[in-house]
Every structure is written in structure tokens, then in C-alpha cells.
Amino acid sequence: MSFPNIYTHRRVAETAAKPCDICFKLSSSVLITPDNKDFFYVCPSHLKDRAFCTPKIDQAAIEARKKKELEEEIERVKKEYEEKKRKKEEKDKKGDKDKEKDKDKDKDKDKKDEGDEKVKDKEKSETKEDSKPTSPKPEEEEPRVFELKATFYQQRINKKRQVEIAKRNRERMQDPNFFPSVPKNLP
């Protein structure tokens, strides 16, 4: 009969929206128990109300997510470093070749320096573009698991009991042995 006071927040399609149990506005947010015994529609604004419910935060999941983000950041920095190192080596190789040619031609040196500056500017702009995150940081996720306050949880239990009692009464009314039979003997 009873169910745990742990509700998971889920979203349904806008076409399947039903009235919120609290304020009766249409809502596509649903709170449901893990065993699917109880569910009800609720506005997202009510989920932020501390007098209605409190979020259950899974610390292990948060730590795992932070660790994963840190590893991704380290990997990205390593790739940037390797890229810069590779470009610097290529630049040094080009510089050695240019020095040999520059000894013969001093006039071409000025033109190549200008070309090198353009290449450097392009490389700097590329590194700036690479350093920008490819995707924006995701905003803080809303909690998905909630625990109702005692009064609201008790209301859910009472409502569930009333539904079961009404169902039993309907079944009893359908049973012909529920009503007393007409007396057969004369008094």
C-alpha cells in the first residue's frame, strides 16, 4: 500500500500535459515513484519550492561528472600543447631553410619576414579559435530526484488509500451477495 517518498522528475509531451495537482495549471512535468505506484503532475516552479519538496542530490554522480570534465579538460590542453609544439617545430624547420636562402638574397628577406608575420598572425588566430570551447558550458542541471515534505507525502498516501477504498466498494456493490436477501419465512 505504501510507497517510498522518492519521486523522479520526468517530462511528458506538451500534448499530454495535464493540470498540476497543486495549482491546476497545465503542466508537462511529472513526479513518479521508482516502482511506478504513484505519479502526479506538478509545475516546475513547485519543484523549486522548499516547502513542497527537497532535491535528493547524488554526491557520487556529481563527483564522477566533475572527474570526467577534468579529464576532458586535461586531454584538450594536451592536444593544444602538442599542436603548438608541432607548429613550432615546423616553424623552426622553415626558419633553417630560410636562413640558407637568405644568405644569398637579402632583399627577399624583408618580404619573407612580412610573410612570416602574416603566418604568425594566422597561427595566433587559429590558436585563439582552438582555445575557445567548442560547446558552451552546460548550465547547472536541475535535480531529477525529489523527496516530498511530510504533509504532501501524507496527502499522496491518503489519496491513494481513498482510491483503493472506492475501488473495493465498487467491487462489493457488484457482488450480489453484498446485499441482504429477502426473508423467506413468515414471522
N, C-alpha and C. Protein backbone atom coordinates (compact mmCIF):
# COMPACT_ATOMS: atom_id res chain seq x y z
N MET A 1 0.83 -1.19 0.00
CA MET A 1 0.00 0.00 0.00
C MET A 1 0.88 1.25 0.00
N SER A 2 1.87 1.28 0.86
CA SER A 2 2.74 2.45 0.96
C SER A 2 3.83 2.38 -0.10
N PHE A 3 4.38 3.50 -0.42
CA PHE A 3 5.45 3.59 -1.41
C PHE A 3 6.50 4.55 -0.87
N PRO A 4 7.72 4.45 -1.36
CA PRO A 4 8.80 5.29 -0.83
C PRO A 4 8.58 6.77 -1.17
N ASN A 5 9.11 7.62 -0.33
CA ASN A 5 8.99 9.06 -0.54
C ASN A 5 10.14 9.55 -1.42
N ILE A 6 10.32 8.91 -2.54
CA ILE A 6 11.33 9.32 -3.51
C ILE A 6 10.64 9.41 -4.86
N TYR A 7 10.66 10.60 -5.43
CA TYR A 7 9.99 10.85 -6.71
C TYR A 7 11.01 11.32 -7.73
N THR A 8 10.87 10.79 -8.94
CA THR A 8 11.74 11.18 -10.04
C THR A 8 10.99 12.14 -10.95
N HIS A 9 11.65 13.23 -11.32
CA HIS A 9 11.03 14.22 -12.20
C HIS A 9 11.21 13.77 -13.65
N ARG A 10 10.08 13.72 -14.37
CA ARG A 10 10.11 13.37 -15.79
C ARG A 10 9.28 14.37 -16.56
N ARG A 11 9.59 14.51 -17.83
CA ARG A 11 8.84 15.42 -18.69
C ARG A 11 8.03 14.57 -19.69
N VAL A 12 6.82 15.03 -19.98
CA VAL A 12 6.00 14.38 -20.99
C VAL A 12 5.79 15.38 -22.13
N ALA A 13 5.23 14.91 -23.21
CA ALA A 13 4.99 15.78 -24.36
C ALA A 13 4.00 16.88 -23.97
N GLU A 14 4.14 18.03 -24.62
CA GLU A 14 3.23 19.15 -24.33
C GLU A 14 1.78 18.78 -24.64
N THR A 15 1.58 17.88 -25.60
CA THR A 15 0.22 17.48 -25.95
C THR A 15 -0.40 16.60 -24.86
N ALA A 16 0.45 15.99 -24.04
CA ALA A 16 -0.04 15.12 -22.96
C ALA A 16 -0.08 15.85 -21.62
N ALA A 17 0.04 17.16 -21.64
CA ALA A 17 0.06 17.93 -20.38
C ALA A 17 -1.28 17.82 -19.67
N LYS A 18 -1.22 17.76 -18.35
CA LYS A 18 -2.41 17.69 -17.52
C LYS A 18 -2.30 18.72 -16.40
N PRO A 19 -3.40 18.98 -15.68
CA PRO A 19 -3.33 20.01 -14.63
C PRO A 19 -2.40 19.62 -13.48
N CYS A 20 -1.72 20.61 -12.98
CA CYS A 20 -0.86 20.44 -11.80
C CYS A 20 -1.75 20.11 -10.61
N ASP A 21 -1.32 19.20 -9.75
CA ASP A 21 -2.10 18.82 -8.57
C ASP A 21 -2.15 19.94 -7.53
N ILE A 22 -1.25 20.88 -7.62
CA ILE A 22 -1.20 21.96 -6.64
C ILE A 22 -2.01 23.18 -7.10
N CYS A 23 -1.70 23.67 -8.31
CA CYS A 23 -2.32 24.93 -8.76
C CYS A 23 -3.27 24.77 -9.95
N PHE A 24 -3.40 23.58 -10.50
CA PHE A 24 -4.31 23.24 -11.58
C PHE A 24 -3.97 23.91 -12.92
N LYS A 25 -2.76 24.41 -13.09
CA LYS A 25 -2.31 24.90 -14.39
C LYS A 25 -1.79 23.71 -15.18
N LEU A 26 -1.87 23.78 -16.51
CA LEU A 26 -1.37 22.69 -17.33
C LEU A 26 0.13 22.55 -17.14
N SER A 27 0.56 21.32 -16.99
CA SER A 27 1.97 21.07 -16.77
C SER A 27 2.38 19.79 -17.49
N SER A 28 3.60 19.79 -18.00
CA SER A 28 4.12 18.59 -18.65
C SER A 28 5.19 17.92 -17.79
N SER A 29 5.32 18.38 -16.55
CA SER A 29 6.27 17.76 -15.61
C SER A 29 5.53 16.77 -14.72
N VAL A 30 6.14 15.62 -14.52
CA VAL A 30 5.52 14.57 -13.72
C VAL A 30 6.51 14.11 -12.66
N LEU A 31 6.03 13.91 -11.45
CA LEU A 31 6.82 13.25 -10.41
C LEU A 31 6.29 11.84 -10.28
N ILE A 32 7.19 10.87 -10.32
CA ILE A 32 6.79 9.47 -10.30
C ILE A 32 7.71 8.70 -9.36
N THR A 33 7.14 7.73 -8.65
CA THR A 33 7.95 6.90 -7.75
C THR A 33 8.75 5.90 -8.57
N PRO A 34 9.84 5.39 -8.04
CA PRO A 34 10.66 4.43 -8.80
C PRO A 34 9.91 3.16 -9.18
N ASP A 35 8.97 2.71 -8.34
CA ASP A 35 8.24 1.49 -8.65
C ASP A 35 6.96 1.76 -9.44
N ASN A 36 6.76 3.00 -9.89
CA ASN A 36 5.62 3.43 -10.70
C ASN A 36 4.26 3.23 -10.02
N LYS A 37 4.23 3.20 -8.70
CA LYS A 37 2.96 3.06 -8.00
C LYS A 37 2.22 4.38 -7.89
N ASP A 38 2.94 5.47 -7.86
CA ASP A 38 2.31 6.78 -7.70
C ASP A 38 2.97 7.79 -8.63
N PHE A 39 2.14 8.64 -9.23
CA PHE A 39 2.66 9.73 -10.04
C PHE A 39 1.65 10.87 -10.00
N PHE A 40 2.13 12.06 -10.21
CA PHE A 40 1.25 13.22 -10.30
C PHE A 40 1.95 14.33 -11.07
N TYR A 41 1.13 15.16 -11.71
CA TYR A 41 1.64 16.28 -12.48
C TYR A 41 1.89 17.45 -11.55
N VAL A 42 2.98 18.16 -11.80
CA VAL A 42 3.36 19.29 -10.95
C VAL A 42 4.10 20.32 -11.81
N CYS A 43 3.92 21.58 -11.49
CA CYS A 43 4.61 22.67 -12.20
C CYS A 43 6.10 22.67 -11.82
N PRO A 44 6.97 23.00 -12.75
CA PRO A 44 8.40 23.09 -12.42
C PRO A 44 8.70 24.12 -11.33
N SER A 45 7.87 25.14 -11.24
CA SER A 45 8.10 26.15 -10.20
C SER A 45 7.88 25.56 -8.81
N HIS A 46 6.97 24.60 -8.68
CA HIS A 46 6.74 23.96 -7.38
C HIS A 46 7.95 23.12 -6.95
N LEU A 47 8.68 22.60 -7.93
CA LEU A 47 9.85 21.78 -7.60
C LEU A 47 10.95 22.62 -6.95
N LYS A 48 10.94 23.92 -7.21
CA LYS A 48 11.94 24.81 -6.61
C LYS A 48 11.51 25.30 -5.24
N ASP A 49 10.25 25.05 -4.89
CA ASP A 49 9.71 25.49 -3.61
C ASP A 49 10.18 24.53 -2.52
N ARG A 50 10.95 25.03 -1.56
CA ARG A 50 11.50 24.19 -0.50
C ARG A 50 10.42 23.70 0.47
N ALA A 51 9.27 24.35 0.48
CA ALA A 51 8.18 23.90 1.37
C ALA A 51 7.42 22.73 0.75
N PHE A 52 7.63 22.48 -0.55
CA PHE A 52 6.93 21.39 -1.22
C PHE A 52 7.79 20.12 -1.26
N CYS A 53 9.02 20.27 -1.71
CA CYS A 53 9.90 19.11 -1.82
C CYS A 53 11.36 19.55 -1.71
N THR A 54 12.22 18.58 -1.45
CA THR A 54 13.65 18.86 -1.40
C THR A 54 14.35 17.94 -2.39
N PRO A 55 15.32 18.48 -3.12
CA PRO A 55 16.04 17.63 -4.07
C PRO A 55 16.97 16.66 -3.36
N LYS A 56 17.04 15.45 -3.88
CA LYS A 56 17.96 14.44 -3.36
C LYS A 56 19.17 14.46 -4.30
N ILE A 57 20.30 14.88 -3.79
CA ILE A 57 21.49 15.04 -4.62
C ILE A 57 22.37 13.81 -4.45
N ASP A 58 22.75 13.22 -5.58
CA ASP A 58 23.63 12.05 -5.58
C ASP A 58 25.07 12.55 -5.66
N GLN A 59 25.76 12.55 -4.54
CA GLN A 59 27.13 13.08 -4.47
C GLN A 59 28.09 12.27 -5.35
N ALA A 60 27.89 10.98 -5.43
CA ALA A 60 28.79 10.14 -6.24
C ALA A 60 28.69 10.52 -7.71
N ALA A 61 27.48 10.77 -8.19
CA ALA A 61 27.30 11.14 -9.59
C ALA A 61 27.93 12.51 -9.88
N ILE A 62 27.80 13.42 -8.94
CA ILE A 62 28.40 14.75 -9.11
C ILE A 62 29.92 14.65 -9.18
N GLU A 63 30.50 13.85 -8.28
CA GLU A 63 31.95 13.67 -8.28
C GLU A 63 32.42 13.01 -9.58
N ALA A 64 31.68 12.03 -10.06
CA ALA A 64 32.04 11.35 -11.31
C ALA A 64 31.99 12.33 -12.48
N ARG A 65 30.95 13.18 -12.52
CA ARG A 65 30.82 14.15 -13.60
C ARG A 65 31.97 15.16 -13.56
N LYS A 66 32.33 15.64 -12.35
CA LYS A 66 33.44 16.59 -12.23
C LYS A 66 34.75 15.95 -12.68
N LYS A 67 34.95 14.69 -12.31
CA LYS A 67 36.17 13.99 -12.69
C LYS A 67 36.24 13.83 -14.20
N LYS A 68 35.12 13.51 -14.82
CA LYS A 68 35.07 13.34 -16.27
C LYS A 68 35.38 14.67 -16.96
N GLU A 69 34.80 15.77 -16.47
CA GLU A 69 35.05 17.08 -17.06
C GLU A 69 36.52 17.46 -16.91
N LEU A 70 37.12 17.14 -15.77
CA LEU A 70 38.53 17.44 -15.54
C LEU A 70 39.40 16.65 -16.51
N GLU A 71 39.08 15.38 -16.73
CA GLU A 71 39.85 14.55 -17.67
C GLU A 71 39.72 15.09 -19.09
N GLU A 72 38.52 15.52 -19.47
CA GLU A 72 38.33 16.10 -20.80
C GLU A 72 39.15 17.38 -20.96
N GLU A 73 39.18 18.20 -19.93
CA GLU A 73 39.95 19.44 -19.96
C GLU A 73 41.44 19.14 -20.09
N ILE A 74 41.93 18.15 -19.35
CA ILE A 74 43.34 17.76 -19.44
C ILE A 74 43.67 17.28 -20.85
N GLU A 75 42.80 16.46 -21.41
CA GLU A 75 43.01 15.94 -22.76
C GLU A 75 43.05 17.08 -23.79
N ARG A 76 42.14 18.04 -23.62
CA ARG A 76 42.09 19.18 -24.55
C ARG A 76 43.37 20.02 -24.44
N VAL A 77 43.86 20.25 -23.23
CA VAL A 77 45.09 21.02 -23.03
C VAL A 77 46.28 20.28 -23.63
N LYS A 78 46.32 18.96 -23.47
CA LYS A 78 47.42 18.18 -24.04
C LYS A 78 47.43 18.30 -25.56
N LYS A 79 46.23 18.23 -26.17
CA LYS A 79 46.15 18.35 -27.63
C LYS A 79 46.63 19.72 -28.08
N GLU A 80 46.23 20.77 -27.36
CA GLU A 80 46.67 22.12 -27.71
C GLU A 80 48.18 22.24 -27.61
N TYR A 81 48.74 21.67 -26.54
CA TYR A 81 50.19 21.72 -26.35
C TYR A 81 50.91 21.00 -27.48
N GLU A 82 50.45 19.80 -27.81
CA GLU A 82 51.07 19.04 -28.90
C GLU A 82 50.98 19.80 -30.23
N GLU A 83 49.84 20.44 -30.47
CA GLU A 83 49.66 21.21 -31.70
C GLU A 83 50.63 22.39 -31.75
N LYS A 84 50.76 23.10 -30.66
CA LYS A 84 51.69 24.24 -30.61
C LYS A 84 53.13 23.77 -30.79
N LYS A 85 53.46 22.64 -30.16
CA LYS A 85 54.80 22.11 -30.26
C LYS A 85 55.11 21.70 -31.70
N ARG A 86 54.14 21.08 -32.35
CA ARG A 86 54.32 20.65 -33.75
C ARG A 86 54.50 21.87 -34.65
N LYS A 87 53.69 22.89 -34.45
CA LYS A 87 53.80 24.11 -35.27
C LYS A 87 55.14 24.80 -35.06
N LYS A 88 55.63 24.79 -33.83
CA LYS A 88 56.90 25.42 -33.53
C LYS A 88 58.03 24.68 -34.22
N GLU A 89 57.97 23.35 -34.23
CA GLU A 89 58.99 22.55 -34.91
C GLU A 89 58.97 22.82 -36.41
N GLU A 90 57.78 22.90 -36.99
CA GLU A 90 57.66 23.21 -38.42
C GLU A 90 58.23 24.59 -38.71
N LYS A 91 57.97 25.50 -37.83
CA LYS A 91 58.45 26.87 -37.99
C LYS A 91 59.97 26.91 -37.92
N ASP A 92 60.54 26.13 -37.00
CA ASP A 92 62.00 26.06 -36.89
C ASP A 92 62.61 25.48 -38.15
N LYS A 93 61.99 24.46 -38.70
CA LYS A 93 62.49 23.85 -39.94
C LYS A 93 62.44 24.85 -41.08
N LYS A 94 61.34 25.58 -41.18
CA LYS A 94 61.22 26.61 -42.21
C LYS A 94 62.26 27.71 -41.99
N GLY A 95 62.49 28.04 -40.73
CA GLY A 95 63.47 29.07 -40.39
C GLY A 95 64.87 28.67 -40.82
N ASP A 96 65.25 27.41 -40.65
CA ASP A 96 66.56 26.93 -41.07
C ASP A 96 66.70 27.03 -42.58
N LYS A 97 65.67 26.63 -43.31
CA LYS A 97 65.71 26.71 -44.77
C LYS A 97 65.78 28.15 -45.23
N ASP A 98 65.05 29.02 -44.55
CA ASP A 98 65.04 30.44 -44.92
C ASP A 98 66.40 31.07 -44.69
N LYS A 99 67.11 30.66 -43.64
CA LYS A 99 68.43 31.23 -43.34
C LYS A 99 69.42 30.92 -44.45
N GLU A 100 69.34 29.69 -44.97
CA GLU A 100 70.25 29.31 -46.05
C GLU A 100 69.98 30.14 -47.30
N LYS A 101 68.70 30.34 -47.59
CA LYS A 101 68.34 31.10 -48.78
C LYS A 101 68.59 32.58 -48.58
N ASP A 102 68.44 33.05 -47.34
CA ASP A 102 68.58 34.48 -47.03
C ASP A 102 70.01 34.95 -47.18
N LYS A 103 70.95 34.08 -47.00
CA LYS A 103 72.33 34.48 -47.14
C LYS A 103 72.58 34.94 -48.58
N ASP A 104 71.92 34.28 -49.52
CA ASP A 104 72.10 34.64 -50.92
C ASP A 104 71.31 35.88 -51.29
N LYS A 105 70.11 36.01 -50.69
CA LYS A 105 69.23 37.10 -51.11
C LYS A 105 68.79 37.91 -49.89
N ASP A 106 69.36 39.08 -49.71
CA ASP A 106 68.98 39.95 -48.59
C ASP A 106 67.67 40.66 -48.87
N LYS A 107 67.40 40.95 -50.11
CA LYS A 107 66.18 41.68 -50.45
C LYS A 107 64.94 40.82 -50.21
N ASP A 108 65.05 39.55 -50.53
CA ASP A 108 63.90 38.64 -50.33
C ASP A 108 63.60 38.44 -48.84
N LYS A 109 64.61 38.72 -47.99
CA LYS A 109 64.45 38.53 -46.56
C LYS A 109 63.33 39.41 -45.99
N ASP A 110 63.31 40.66 -46.39
CA ASP A 110 62.29 41.59 -45.91
C ASP A 110 60.89 41.10 -46.30
N LYS A 111 60.75 40.63 -47.50
CA LYS A 111 59.45 40.15 -47.97
C LYS A 111 59.02 38.89 -47.20
N LYS A 112 59.98 38.01 -46.93
CA LYS A 112 59.65 36.77 -46.20
C LYS A 112 59.29 37.07 -44.76
N ASP A 113 59.96 38.04 -44.15
CA ASP A 113 59.63 38.43 -42.78
C ASP A 113 58.19 38.90 -42.69
N GLU A 114 57.79 39.68 -43.70
CA GLU A 114 56.40 40.13 -43.72
C GLU A 114 55.46 38.93 -43.88
N GLY A 115 55.85 37.99 -44.74
CA GLY A 115 55.05 36.77 -44.93
C GLY A 115 54.99 35.95 -43.65
N ASP A 116 56.15 35.86 -42.93
CA ASP A 116 56.19 35.14 -41.66
C ASP A 116 55.26 35.78 -40.64
N GLU A 117 55.25 37.11 -40.61
CA GLU A 117 54.37 37.80 -39.68
C GLU A 117 52.91 37.48 -39.98
N LYS A 118 52.57 37.41 -41.26
CA LYS A 118 51.20 37.05 -41.64
C LYS A 118 50.89 35.62 -41.19
N VAL A 119 51.85 34.72 -41.37
CA VAL A 119 51.66 33.33 -40.95
C VAL A 119 51.49 33.27 -39.44
N LYS A 120 52.31 34.06 -38.71
CA LYS A 120 52.20 34.08 -37.25
C LYS A 120 50.84 34.60 -36.82
N ASP A 121 50.38 35.64 -37.50
CA ASP A 121 49.06 36.18 -37.17
C ASP A 121 47.98 35.13 -37.42
N LYS A 122 48.10 34.41 -38.53
CA LYS A 122 47.11 33.36 -38.82
C LYS A 122 47.16 32.27 -37.76
N GLU A 123 48.38 31.87 -37.36
CA GLU A 123 48.52 30.83 -36.34
C GLU A 123 47.93 31.29 -35.02
N LYS A 124 48.18 32.56 -34.67
CA LYS A 124 47.63 33.08 -33.43
C LYS A 124 46.11 33.09 -33.47
N SER A 125 45.53 33.48 -34.61
CA SER A 125 44.07 33.50 -34.70
C SER A 125 43.52 32.07 -34.63
N GLU A 126 44.26 31.12 -35.24
CA GLU A 126 43.81 29.73 -35.17
C GLU A 126 43.87 29.21 -33.74
N THR A 127 44.94 29.54 -33.00
CA THR A 127 45.04 29.08 -31.63
C THR A 127 43.99 29.73 -30.76
N LYS A 128 43.64 30.98 -31.05
CA LYS A 128 42.58 31.63 -30.30
C LYS A 128 41.26 30.93 -30.55
N GLU A 129 41.01 30.57 -31.80
CA GLU A 129 39.77 29.86 -32.13
C GLU A 129 39.76 28.49 -31.47
N ASP A 130 40.93 27.81 -31.46
CA ASP A 130 41.01 26.50 -30.84
C ASP A 130 40.83 26.58 -29.33
N SER A 131 41.34 27.66 -28.74
CA SER A 131 41.25 27.78 -27.29
C SER A 131 39.83 28.04 -26.82
N LYS A 132 39.00 28.58 -27.70
CA LYS A 132 37.60 28.79 -27.33
C LYS A 132 36.93 27.43 -27.21
N PRO A 133 36.11 27.20 -26.19
CA PRO A 133 35.43 25.91 -26.08
C PRO A 133 34.50 25.70 -27.26
N THR A 134 34.50 24.49 -27.77
CA THR A 134 33.67 24.18 -28.92
C THR A 134 32.19 24.22 -28.57
N SER A 135 31.87 23.83 -27.37
CA SER A 135 30.48 23.89 -26.94
C SER A 135 30.41 24.67 -25.64
N PRO A 136 29.38 25.47 -25.47
CA PRO A 136 29.27 26.25 -24.24
C PRO A 136 29.10 25.33 -23.04
N LYS A 137 29.56 25.81 -21.90
CA LYS A 137 29.43 25.01 -20.67
C LYS A 137 27.95 24.78 -20.37
N PRO A 138 27.57 23.54 -20.10
CA PRO A 138 26.17 23.30 -19.77
C PRO A 138 25.83 23.96 -18.44
N GLU A 139 24.66 24.52 -18.40
CA GLU A 139 24.22 25.15 -17.17
C GLU A 139 24.01 24.06 -16.11
N GLU A 140 23.97 24.49 -14.89
CA GLU A 140 23.77 23.56 -13.78
C GLU A 140 22.47 22.79 -14.00
N GLU A 141 22.57 21.49 -14.03
CA GLU A 141 21.39 20.67 -14.26
C GLU A 141 20.46 20.74 -13.07
N GLU A 142 19.18 20.71 -13.38
CA GLU A 142 18.20 20.67 -12.31
C GLU A 142 18.18 19.27 -11.72
N PRO A 143 17.93 19.16 -10.43
CA PRO A 143 17.88 17.82 -9.83
C PRO A 143 16.71 17.03 -10.38
N ARG A 144 16.88 15.72 -10.46
CA ARG A 144 15.84 14.86 -11.01
C ARG A 144 15.11 14.07 -9.93
N VAL A 145 15.70 13.90 -8.77
CA VAL A 145 15.10 13.09 -7.72
C VAL A 145 14.73 14.01 -6.56
N PHE A 146 13.49 13.84 -6.08
CA PHE A 146 12.98 14.71 -5.03
C PHE A 146 12.37 13.88 -3.91
N GLU A 147 12.32 14.50 -2.75
CA GLU A 147 11.64 13.92 -1.59
C GLU A 147 10.59 14.93 -1.15
N LEU A 148 9.32 14.50 -1.11
CA LEU A 148 8.24 15.40 -0.71
C LEU A 148 8.31 15.68 0.78
N LYS A 149 7.81 16.84 1.15
CA LYS A 149 7.70 17.16 2.57
C LYS A 149 6.63 16.26 3.18
N ALA A 150 6.65 16.10 4.48
CA ALA A 150 5.80 15.13 5.17
C ALA A 150 4.32 15.35 4.89
N THR A 151 3.85 16.61 4.89
CA THR A 151 2.42 16.86 4.68
C THR A 151 1.98 16.46 3.28
N PHE A 152 2.78 16.80 2.28
CA PHE A 152 2.41 16.45 0.90
C PHE A 152 2.52 14.95 0.67
N TYR A 153 3.50 14.32 1.28
CA TYR A 153 3.63 12.87 1.15
C TYR A 153 2.44 12.17 1.79
N GLN A 154 2.01 12.64 2.96
CA GLN A 154 0.84 12.06 3.63
C GLN A 154 -0.41 12.25 2.79
N GLN A 155 -0.54 13.40 2.13
CA GLN A 155 -1.68 13.63 1.25
C GLN A 155 -1.68 12.62 0.10
N ARG A 156 -0.51 12.33 -0.46
CA ARG A 156 -0.42 11.35 -1.55
C ARG A 156 -0.85 9.97 -1.05
N ILE A 157 -0.40 9.59 0.14
CA ILE A 157 -0.77 8.28 0.70
C ILE A 157 -2.27 8.22 0.94
N ASN A 158 -2.84 9.27 1.54
CA ASN A 158 -4.28 9.30 1.80
C ASN A 158 -5.08 9.23 0.50
N LYS A 159 -4.65 9.95 -0.51
CA LYS A 159 -5.35 9.93 -1.79
C LYS A 159 -5.31 8.51 -2.39
N LYS A 160 -4.17 7.87 -2.30
CA LYS A 160 -4.04 6.51 -2.83
C LYS A 160 -4.95 5.55 -2.06
N ARG A 161 -5.03 5.69 -0.74
CA ARG A 161 -5.91 4.85 0.07
C ARG A 161 -7.37 5.06 -0.31
N GLN A 162 -7.78 6.31 -0.48
CA GLN A 162 -9.16 6.60 -0.85
C GLN A 162 -9.51 5.99 -2.19
N VAL A 163 -8.60 6.02 -3.13
CA VAL A 163 -8.85 5.41 -4.45
C VAL A 163 -9.03 3.91 -4.30
N GLU A 164 -8.19 3.28 -3.49
CA GLU A 164 -8.32 1.83 -3.29
C GLU A 164 -9.61 1.47 -2.57
N ILE A 165 -10.01 2.26 -1.57
CA ILE A 165 -11.26 2.00 -0.84
C ILE A 165 -12.45 2.15 -1.78
N ALA A 166 -12.44 3.17 -2.61
CA ALA A 166 -13.53 3.37 -3.56
C ALA A 166 -13.59 2.21 -4.56
N LYS A 167 -12.46 1.73 -4.97
CA LYS A 167 -12.42 0.59 -5.90
C LYS A 167 -12.99 -0.66 -5.24
N ARG A 168 -12.62 -0.91 -3.99
CA ARG A 168 -13.16 -2.07 -3.26
C ARG A 168 -14.67 -1.95 -3.08
N ASN A 169 -15.14 -0.76 -2.76
CA ASN A 169 -16.58 -0.56 -2.58
C ASN A 169 -17.34 -0.81 -3.87
N ARG A 170 -16.81 -0.36 -4.99
CA ARG A 170 -17.45 -0.62 -6.29
C ARG A 170 -17.52 -2.11 -6.56
N GLU A 171 -16.43 -2.82 -6.25
CA GLU A 171 -16.42 -4.27 -6.46
C GLU A 171 -17.44 -4.96 -5.56
N ARG A 172 -17.57 -4.50 -4.32
CA ARG A 172 -18.55 -5.09 -3.40
C ARG A 172 -19.97 -4.84 -3.89
N MET A 173 -20.20 -3.65 -4.43
CA MET A 173 -21.55 -3.34 -4.91
C MET A 173 -21.93 -4.23 -6.10
N GLN A 174 -20.97 -4.65 -6.85
CA GLN A 174 -21.22 -5.52 -7.99
C GLN A 174 -21.52 -6.95 -7.56
N ASP A 175 -21.07 -7.33 -6.39
CA ASP A 175 -21.27 -8.68 -5.89
C ASP A 175 -22.72 -8.83 -5.39
N PRO A 176 -23.49 -9.80 -5.90
CA PRO A 176 -24.89 -9.94 -5.48
C PRO A 176 -25.03 -10.37 -4.01
N ASN A 177 -24.06 -10.98 -3.42
CA ASN A 177 -24.14 -11.42 -2.02
C ASN A 177 -23.88 -10.29 -1.03
N PHE A 178 -23.58 -9.11 -1.51
CA PHE A 178 -23.28 -7.99 -0.64
C PHE A 178 -24.53 -7.51 0.10
N PHE A 179 -25.65 -7.47 -0.63
CA PHE A 179 -26.91 -7.00 -0.04
C PHE A 179 -27.61 -8.17 0.67
N PRO A 180 -28.37 -7.88 1.72
CA PRO A 180 -29.07 -8.98 2.41
C PRO A 180 -30.18 -9.53 1.51
N SER A 181 -30.48 -10.78 1.70
CA SER A 181 -31.55 -11.40 0.91
C SER A 181 -32.92 -11.18 1.57
N VAL A 182 -33.92 -11.34 0.78
CA VAL A 182 -35.29 -11.17 1.27
C VAL A 182 -35.62 -12.32 2.23
N PRO A 183 -36.27 -12.07 3.38
CA PRO A 183 -36.61 -13.17 4.29
C PRO A 183 -37.59 -14.14 3.63
N LYS A 184 -37.41 -15.43 3.86
CA LYS A 184 -38.25 -16.45 3.23
C LYS A 184 -39.29 -17.00 4.20
N ASN A 185 -39.08 -16.94 5.46
CA ASN A 185 -40.02 -17.46 6.46
C ASN A 185 -40.97 -16.38 6.89
N LEU A 186 -42.18 -16.81 7.22
CA LEU A 186 -43.16 -15.85 7.72
C LEU A 186 -42.87 -15.56 9.18
N PRO A 187 -43.13 -14.40 9.65
CA PRO A 187 -42.84 -14.10 11.06
C PRO A 187 -43.80 -14.73 12.01
